[in-house]
Amino acid sequence: MKILAFDTALRACSVAVLVDGAIHGQRFEVRSRGHAEVLIPMINQVCADAGIGMAEFDRLAVTVGPGTFAGVRIGIAAARGFAVSLSLPVVGVTTLEAVAASALSELNPGESHVTALFDARRGQVYAQSFDPKLGSLAQPRAASPQEVLDDLPLGAGALVGDGAMILADILSANRPDLRLIAVDRQPDAVIIGRLAAERSPAQPGSGEPSPLYLRPPDAKLPAARAGSK
């Protein structure tokens, strides 16, 4: 199976081409903005590196959030556009799943869960906990660090992602059985593609995948002036 996977949802832009799970091309670039400008050139370069044309893929994979409002929209819009124009099915993967999956091999013996966390700003983090087989232990949420800490699964576990550092100061006193790993981890298109290979895709033109927004966007359009036409 040939899969083109990409992510623009957070603080990186990542693209990968996988053939039956093997990496045939990949690019990863940390960036806080400008995802729209670099995504298509990165896709073109990775496809050229892999020697695979867009019409040859069996499916697409893209992150659906949570993340920045603009970043999530960029990735999903690109995936939907390719899906319709090339009649390709597409699979949506959450950023929390992708980062948690990348950390499963780093769990120590006896650690029964991993929680992916991203800085959501406004004093909140995006968070979701998973078991060692990436089974969901809770729904994804946006909440304060203390609220997230209060609801983390019992027992030894690990926290991954840039939101984990926000909990660091309250961990030692409250949950010494939890440890931080890979606190700078961003979603990786290679992981996204491998997760997508195991899932049922949405068909072209279905309007899927849908973005996962856990709260309204930070930026809002100005309200219309009273009496304006």
Protein backbone atom coordinates (compact mmCIF):
# COMPACT_ATOMS: atom_id res chain seq x y z
CA MET A 1 0.00 0.00 0.00
CA LYS A 2 1.33 3.42 -1.00
CA ILE A 3 0.45 6.20 1.45
CA LEU A 4 1.16 9.93 1.39
CA ALA A 5 0.96 11.34 4.93
CA PHE A 6 1.38 14.89 6.17
CA ASP A 7 0.91 17.12 9.20
CA THR A 8 0.61 20.90 9.60
CA ALA A 9 -1.46 21.03 12.79
CA LEU A 10 1.05 22.26 15.37
CA ARG A 11 4.64 23.52 15.38
CA ALA A 12 6.08 21.48 12.54
CA CYS A 13 5.42 20.55 8.94
CA SER A 14 5.96 16.88 8.17
CA VAL A 15 5.49 14.81 5.00
CA ALA A 16 6.21 11.14 4.35
CA VAL A 17 5.71 8.53 1.64
CA LEU A 18 5.28 4.95 2.86
CA VAL A 19 5.09 1.78 0.80
CA ASP A 20 3.81 -1.19 2.80
CA GLY A 21 5.00 0.58 5.96
CA ALA A 22 8.53 1.26 4.70
CA ILE A 23 9.75 4.85 4.40
CA HIS A 24 10.42 5.85 0.79
CA GLY A 25 10.72 9.58 1.44
CA GLN A 26 10.24 12.02 4.29
CA ARG A 27 10.72 15.64 5.30
CA PHE A 28 10.27 17.19 8.74
CA GLU A 29 10.65 20.88 9.51
CA VAL A 30 9.98 22.61 12.83
CA ARG A 31 8.09 25.85 12.25
CA SER A 32 5.51 27.91 14.11
CA ARG A 33 4.01 29.52 10.98
CA GLY A 34 4.11 29.44 7.20
CA HIS A 35 2.84 25.86 6.87
CA ALA A 36 0.71 26.73 3.84
CA GLU A 37 3.73 28.03 1.93
CA VAL A 38 5.90 24.97 2.46
CA LEU A 39 3.45 22.05 2.45
CA ILE A 40 3.01 21.58 -1.30
CA PRO A 41 6.73 22.05 -2.10
CA MET A 42 7.54 19.50 0.61
CA ILE A 43 5.00 17.04 -0.82
CA ASN A 44 6.43 17.49 -4.31
CA GLN A 45 9.97 16.93 -3.05
CA VAL A 46 9.12 13.85 -1.00
CA CYS A 47 7.20 12.31 -3.91
CA ALA A 48 10.18 13.01 -6.18
CA ASP A 49 12.53 11.43 -3.63
CA ALA A 50 10.30 8.35 -3.52
CA GLY A 51 9.81 8.22 -7.29
CA ILE A 52 6.04 8.01 -6.84
CA GLY A 53 3.50 10.23 -8.58
CA MET A 54 0.41 11.54 -6.82
CA ALA A 55 -1.90 9.35 -8.92
CA GLU A 56 -0.09 6.22 -7.72
CA PHE A 57 -1.06 6.50 -4.04
CA ASP A 58 -3.63 4.21 -2.52
CA ARG A 59 -4.61 6.61 0.25
CA LEU A 60 -3.77 9.85 2.02
CA ALA A 61 -3.29 10.44 5.74
CA VAL A 62 -3.50 13.77 7.56
CA THR A 63 -3.68 15.05 11.12
CA VAL A 64 -7.05 16.50 12.10
CA GLY A 65 -6.10 18.23 15.36
CA PRO A 66 -6.11 19.31 18.01
CA GLY A 67 -3.69 22.05 17.05
CA THR A 68 -3.68 25.59 15.78
CA PHE A 69 -6.86 26.58 14.01
CA ALA A 70 -5.03 27.60 10.83
CA GLY A 71 -2.66 24.63 10.89
CA VAL A 72 -5.46 22.09 11.13
CA ARG A 73 -7.38 23.77 8.30
CA ILE A 74 -4.32 23.83 6.03
CA GLY A 75 -3.69 20.11 6.30
CA ILE A 76 -7.31 19.02 5.99
CA ALA A 77 -7.98 21.35 3.05
CA ALA A 78 -4.97 19.95 1.20
CA ALA A 79 -6.03 16.36 1.92
CA ARG A 80 -9.61 16.98 0.77
CA GLY A 81 -8.39 18.71 -2.38
CA PHE A 82 -6.08 15.83 -3.30
CA ALA A 83 -8.76 13.30 -2.40
CA VAL A 84 -11.31 14.82 -4.75
CA SER A 85 -8.97 15.64 -7.63
CA LEU A 86 -7.23 12.24 -7.58
CA SER A 87 -10.12 10.09 -6.27
CA LEU A 88 -8.06 9.01 -3.27
CA PRO A 89 -9.47 7.91 0.09
CA VAL A 90 -8.12 9.76 3.12
CA VAL A 91 -7.61 8.82 6.78
CA GLY A 92 -7.63 11.33 9.62
CA VAL A 93 -5.33 10.80 12.61
CA THR A 94 -5.29 13.02 15.68
CA THR A 95 -2.11 14.77 16.73
CA LEU A 96 -2.48 13.27 20.20
CA GLU A 97 -2.60 9.74 18.78
CA ALA A 98 0.41 10.39 16.57
CA VAL A 99 2.63 11.69 19.36
CA ALA A 100 1.52 9.06 21.86
CA ALA A 101 2.20 6.32 19.29
CA SER A 102 5.71 7.65 18.73
CA ALA A 103 6.45 7.27 22.45
CA LEU A 104 5.10 3.77 23.08
CA SER A 105 8.49 2.14 22.49
CA GLU A 106 10.00 4.44 25.13
CA LEU A 107 7.78 3.26 27.98
CA ASN A 108 9.60 1.57 30.83
CA PRO A 109 8.55 -1.84 32.16
CA GLY A 110 5.62 -1.33 34.50
CA GLU A 111 4.42 1.88 32.91
CA SER A 112 0.80 1.33 31.96
CA HIS A 113 -0.10 4.50 30.09
CA VAL A 114 1.20 7.42 28.07
CA THR A 115 -0.41 10.84 27.89
CA ALA A 116 0.16 13.18 24.96
CA LEU A 117 -0.03 16.87 25.81
CA PHE A 118 0.30 20.05 23.76
CA ASP A 119 0.40 23.66 24.88
CA ALA A 120 -3.05 25.02 24.00
CA ARG A 121 -2.26 28.50 25.43
CA ARG A 122 -4.81 30.43 27.52
CA GLY A 123 -3.52 28.44 30.51
CA GLN A 124 -4.66 25.13 29.03
CA VAL A 125 -3.21 22.01 27.47
CA TYR A 126 -4.64 19.55 24.97
CA ALA A 127 -4.41 16.07 26.46
CA GLN A 128 -5.35 12.44 25.97
CA SER A 129 -4.16 9.25 27.68
CA PHE A 130 -3.55 5.89 26.00
CA ASP A 131 -2.62 2.38 27.06
CA PRO A 132 0.56 0.68 25.72
CA LYS A 133 -1.38 -0.55 22.66
CA LEU A 134 -2.67 2.97 21.87
CA GLY A 135 -6.10 2.20 23.21
CA SER A 136 -7.79 5.40 24.35
CA LEU A 137 -8.17 5.76 28.13
CA ALA A 138 -10.00 9.10 27.92
CA GLN A 139 -11.45 11.51 25.43
CA PRO A 140 -9.23 14.27 24.06
CA ARG A 141 -9.76 17.52 25.94
CA ALA A 142 -8.56 21.06 26.50
CA ALA A 143 -8.20 21.78 30.22
CA SER A 144 -6.00 23.41 32.83
CA PRO A 145 -2.81 21.58 33.86
CA GLN A 146 -4.26 20.81 37.30
CA GLU A 147 -7.49 19.44 35.82
CA VAL A 148 -5.50 17.21 33.48
CA LEU A 149 -3.25 16.01 36.30
CA ASP A 150 -6.26 15.22 38.49
CA ASP A 151 -7.73 12.99 35.77
CA LEU A 152 -4.60 11.13 34.65
CA PRO A 153 -4.77 7.33 34.95
CA LEU A 154 -3.42 5.79 38.14
CA GLY A 155 -0.13 3.94 38.11
CA ALA A 156 3.24 4.60 36.55
CA GLY A 157 3.18 6.30 33.18
CA ALA A 158 4.80 8.83 30.89
CA LEU A 159 3.92 12.26 29.53
CA VAL A 160 5.00 13.28 26.03
CA GLY A 161 4.71 16.48 24.00
CA ASP A 162 5.44 20.14 24.60
CA GLY A 163 2.50 20.45 26.99
CA ALA A 164 4.18 18.02 29.39
CA MET A 165 6.60 20.70 30.57
CA ILE A 166 3.66 22.79 31.75
CA LEU A 167 2.79 20.04 34.25
CA ALA A 168 6.38 19.54 35.39
CA ASP A 169 6.21 21.79 38.46
CA ILE A 170 3.17 20.04 39.91
CA LEU A 171 4.17 16.48 39.06
CA SER A 172 6.80 15.80 41.71
CA ALA A 173 4.55 16.71 44.63
CA ASN A 174 1.41 15.08 43.26
CA ARG A 175 2.37 12.22 40.92
CA PRO A 176 5.96 11.03 41.38
CA ASP A 177 5.01 7.89 39.42
CA LEU A 178 4.82 9.93 36.21
CA ARG A 179 7.82 10.98 34.13
CA LEU A 180 8.39 13.30 31.21
CA ILE A 181 9.76 11.98 27.92
CA ALA A 182 10.26 13.65 24.53
CA VAL A 183 8.81 16.97 25.65
CA ASP A 184 9.64 18.56 22.29
CA ARG A 185 7.91 15.81 20.26
CA GLN A 186 5.73 16.92 17.34
CA PRO A 187 3.56 14.73 15.10
CA ASP A 188 5.61 12.77 12.55
CA ALA A 189 4.13 11.93 9.15
CA VAL A 190 5.79 8.49 9.23
CA ILE A 191 3.81 7.55 12.36
CA ILE A 192 0.67 9.13 10.90
CA GLY A 193 0.98 7.05 7.74
CA ARG A 194 1.52 3.81 9.65
CA LEU A 195 -1.52 4.45 11.83
CA ALA A 196 -3.59 5.29 8.75
CA ALA A 197 -2.66 2.00 7.10
CA GLU A 198 -4.62 0.17 9.80
CA ARG A 199 -7.81 2.25 9.54
CA SER A 200 -10.78 2.58 7.22
CA PRO A 201 -10.50 5.70 5.07
CA ALA A 202 -13.13 8.26 4.14
CA GLN A 203 -14.07 8.31 0.48
CA PRO A 204 -13.40 11.26 -1.84
CA GLY A 205 -16.10 13.94 -1.72
CA SER A 206 -17.47 12.79 1.65
CA GLY A 207 -16.33 15.97 3.44
CA GLU A 208 -14.22 13.83 5.75
CA PRO A 209 -12.03 13.79 7.66
CA SER A 210 -13.45 16.41 10.00
CA PRO A 211 -11.23 18.71 12.07
CA LEU A 212 -10.96 18.05 15.80
CA TYR A 213 -11.39 21.41 17.50
CA LEU A 214 -11.47 21.17 21.29
CA ARG A 215 -12.36 24.85 21.75
CA PRO A 216 -13.14 27.90 19.58
CA PRO A 217 -10.25 29.56 17.71
CA ASP A 218 -8.24 32.25 19.49
CA ALA A 219 -8.68 34.69 16.61
CA LYS A 220 -12.18 35.88 15.82
CA LEU A 221 -13.58 37.99 13.04
CA PRO A 222 -14.55 41.51 14.20
CA ALA A 223 -18.25 41.92 14.91
CA ALA A 224 -20.22 43.72 12.26
CA ARG A 225 -20.89 47.35 13.05
CA ALA A 226 -24.39 48.11 14.21
CA GLY A 227 -26.49 49.31 11.36
CA SER A 228 -23.98 48.27 8.68
CA LYS A 229 -25.34 46.80 5.47
